[in-house]
Amino acid sequence: MTRVPSVFLFLLLVFLIVLHQSMAAAHHHHHSIVSETCKHSANGDPNVNYTFCVESLQFE
């Protein structure tokens, strides 16, 4: 059986942590863009409902 070097496991762990953090930041950025866009649209047009707009454009 081949043993995986601990340095490789450490680097893999660091990579996964960095990947997770960058994806979380991108997700947060998307929500703020959606929120700001819907706020601007709802303030400028009485036919645009802010809550409907945000719920329609968000993804999980």
N, C-alpha and C. Protein backbone atom coordinates (compact mmCIF):
# COMPACT_ATOMS: atom_id res chain seq x y z
N MET A 1 0.84 -1.19 0.00
CA MET A 1 0.00 0.00 0.00
C MET A 1 0.89 1.26 0.00
N THR A 2 0.53 2.22 -0.84
CA THR A 2 1.31 3.45 -0.92
C THR A 2 0.79 4.44 0.12
N ARG A 3 1.74 5.04 0.79
CA ARG A 3 1.38 6.01 1.82
C ARG A 3 1.40 7.42 1.22
N VAL A 4 0.35 8.20 1.46
CA VAL A 4 0.26 9.56 0.93
C VAL A 4 1.06 10.48 1.84
N PRO A 5 1.99 11.24 1.26
CA PRO A 5 2.80 12.14 2.08
C PRO A 5 1.93 13.18 2.81
N SER A 6 2.30 13.47 4.02
CA SER A 6 1.52 14.43 4.81
C SER A 6 1.56 15.84 4.21
N VAL A 7 2.63 16.18 3.50
CA VAL A 7 2.72 17.50 2.85
C VAL A 7 1.63 17.61 1.78
N PHE A 8 1.41 16.54 1.04
CA PHE A 8 0.36 16.54 0.03
C PHE A 8 -1.01 16.73 0.66
N LEU A 9 -1.26 16.04 1.75
CA LEU A 9 -2.55 16.17 2.44
C LEU A 9 -2.74 17.58 2.99
N PHE A 10 -1.65 18.16 3.51
CA PHE A 10 -1.72 19.52 4.04
C PHE A 10 -2.04 20.50 2.91
N LEU A 11 -1.37 20.37 1.77
CA LEU A 11 -1.61 21.27 0.65
C LEU A 11 -3.02 21.11 0.09
N LEU A 12 -3.50 19.87 0.07
CA LEU A 12 -4.87 19.63 -0.37
C LEU A 12 -5.87 20.31 0.57
N LEU A 13 -5.64 20.21 1.84
CA LEU A 13 -6.52 20.86 2.82
C LEU A 13 -6.50 22.38 2.65
N VAL A 14 -5.33 22.96 2.48
CA VAL A 14 -5.22 24.41 2.27
C VAL A 14 -5.96 24.82 1.00
N PHE A 15 -5.79 24.05 -0.07
CA PHE A 15 -6.47 24.34 -1.33
C PHE A 15 -7.98 24.31 -1.15
N LEU A 16 -8.49 23.30 -0.47
CA LEU A 16 -9.94 23.19 -0.26
C LEU A 16 -10.48 24.33 0.59
N ILE A 17 -9.73 24.76 1.57
CA ILE A 17 -10.16 25.89 2.41
C ILE A 17 -10.21 27.17 1.58
N VAL A 18 -9.18 27.41 0.77
CA VAL A 18 -9.15 28.61 -0.07
C VAL A 18 -10.28 28.58 -1.10
N LEU A 19 -10.51 27.43 -1.69
CA LEU A 19 -11.60 27.28 -2.65
C LEU A 19 -12.96 27.58 -2.00
N HIS A 20 -13.17 27.05 -0.82
CA HIS A 20 -14.42 27.29 -0.11
C HIS A 20 -14.61 28.77 0.19
N GLN A 21 -13.56 29.43 0.65
CA GLN A 21 -13.65 30.85 0.98
C GLN A 21 -13.94 31.69 -0.27
N SER A 22 -13.30 31.37 -1.38
CA SER A 22 -13.53 32.16 -2.59
C SER A 22 -14.94 31.95 -3.14
N MET A 23 -15.46 30.74 -3.01
CA MET A 23 -16.83 30.49 -3.46
C MET A 23 -17.84 31.19 -2.56
N ALA A 24 -17.57 31.23 -1.26
CA ALA A 24 -18.46 31.93 -0.34
C ALA A 24 -18.46 33.43 -0.64
N ALA A 25 -17.30 33.98 -0.97
CA ALA A 25 -17.21 35.41 -1.30
C ALA A 25 -17.97 35.71 -2.59
N ALA A 26 -17.86 34.84 -3.57
CA ALA A 26 -18.58 35.04 -4.84
C ALA A 26 -20.09 34.96 -4.61
N HIS A 27 -20.52 34.05 -3.76
CA HIS A 27 -21.94 33.90 -3.45
C HIS A 27 -22.46 35.17 -2.77
N HIS A 28 -21.69 35.71 -1.83
CA HIS A 28 -22.09 36.94 -1.13
C HIS A 28 -22.15 38.11 -2.13
N HIS A 29 -21.18 38.17 -3.02
CA HIS A 29 -21.14 39.26 -4.01
C HIS A 29 -22.38 39.21 -4.91
N HIS A 30 -22.78 38.01 -5.31
CA HIS A 30 -23.97 37.87 -6.16
C HIS A 30 -25.21 38.39 -5.44
N HIS A 31 -25.35 38.05 -4.15
CA HIS A 31 -26.53 38.49 -3.40
C HIS A 31 -26.56 40.00 -3.26
N SER A 32 -25.40 40.64 -3.08
CA SER A 32 -25.42 42.09 -2.94
C SER A 32 -25.74 42.76 -4.28
N ILE A 33 -25.29 42.18 -5.38
CA ILE A 33 -25.63 42.73 -6.70
C ILE A 33 -27.13 42.61 -6.95
N VAL A 34 -27.70 41.45 -6.64
CA VAL A 34 -29.14 41.25 -6.82
C VAL A 34 -29.91 42.23 -5.96
N SER A 35 -29.52 42.35 -4.71
CA SER A 35 -30.21 43.25 -3.79
C SER A 35 -30.16 44.70 -4.26
N GLU A 36 -28.99 45.15 -4.65
CA GLU A 36 -28.85 46.54 -5.10
C GLU A 36 -29.62 46.79 -6.40
N THR A 37 -29.58 45.85 -7.32
CA THR A 37 -30.29 46.00 -8.58
C THR A 37 -31.80 46.06 -8.36
N CYS A 38 -32.29 45.16 -7.50
CA CYS A 38 -33.73 45.14 -7.23
C CYS A 38 -34.17 46.39 -6.47
N LYS A 39 -33.33 46.85 -5.56
CA LYS A 39 -33.66 48.07 -4.82
C LYS A 39 -33.76 49.26 -5.77
N HIS A 40 -32.79 49.37 -6.66
CA HIS A 40 -32.79 50.47 -7.63
C HIS A 40 -34.01 50.38 -8.55
N SER A 41 -34.31 49.17 -9.00
CA SER A 41 -35.46 48.99 -9.91
C SER A 41 -36.78 49.28 -9.21
N ALA A 42 -36.93 48.79 -7.98
CA ALA A 42 -38.18 48.99 -7.24
C ALA A 42 -38.38 50.46 -6.88
N ASN A 43 -37.30 51.18 -6.61
CA ASN A 43 -37.42 52.61 -6.30
C ASN A 43 -37.78 53.43 -7.54
N GLY A 44 -37.36 52.95 -8.71
CA GLY A 44 -37.60 53.70 -9.94
C GLY A 44 -38.88 53.34 -10.66
N ASP A 45 -39.47 52.20 -10.31
CA ASP A 45 -40.66 51.75 -11.03
C ASP A 45 -41.65 51.14 -10.05
N PRO A 46 -42.84 51.73 -9.91
CA PRO A 46 -43.81 51.20 -8.96
C PRO A 46 -44.34 49.80 -9.32
N ASN A 47 -44.10 49.37 -10.55
CA ASN A 47 -44.55 48.04 -10.98
C ASN A 47 -43.58 46.92 -10.58
N VAL A 48 -42.40 47.29 -10.06
CA VAL A 48 -41.41 46.29 -9.66
C VAL A 48 -41.51 46.09 -8.16
N ASN A 49 -41.75 44.85 -7.77
CA ASN A 49 -41.83 44.49 -6.36
C ASN A 49 -40.45 44.00 -5.92
N TYR A 50 -39.85 44.67 -4.92
CA TYR A 50 -38.49 44.33 -4.46
C TYR A 50 -38.38 42.88 -4.03
N THR A 51 -39.29 42.41 -3.20
CA THR A 51 -39.23 41.04 -2.67
C THR A 51 -39.32 40.02 -3.80
N PHE A 52 -40.24 40.23 -4.71
CA PHE A 52 -40.37 39.32 -5.85
C PHE A 52 -39.11 39.31 -6.70
N CYS A 53 -38.56 40.47 -6.92
CA CYS A 53 -37.35 40.61 -7.72
C CYS A 53 -36.19 39.82 -7.10
N VAL A 54 -35.96 40.03 -5.81
CA VAL A 54 -34.84 39.36 -5.13
C VAL A 54 -35.05 37.85 -5.13
N GLU A 55 -36.25 37.41 -4.80
CA GLU A 55 -36.51 35.96 -4.75
C GLU A 55 -36.41 35.33 -6.13
N SER A 56 -36.73 36.07 -7.17
CA SER A 56 -36.66 35.53 -8.52
C SER A 56 -35.21 35.40 -9.02
N LEU A 57 -34.36 36.30 -8.60
CA LEU A 57 -33.00 36.32 -9.13
C LEU A 57 -31.98 35.59 -8.26
N GLN A 58 -32.33 35.27 -7.04
CA GLN A 58 -31.39 34.55 -6.17
C GLN A 58 -31.31 33.09 -6.54
N PHE A 59 -30.14 32.52 -6.30
CA PHE A 59 -29.96 31.09 -6.43
C PHE A 59 -29.19 30.61 -5.23
N GLU A 60 -29.35 29.38 -4.91
CA GLU A 60 -28.66 28.80 -3.73
C GLU A 60 -27.58 27.88 -4.17
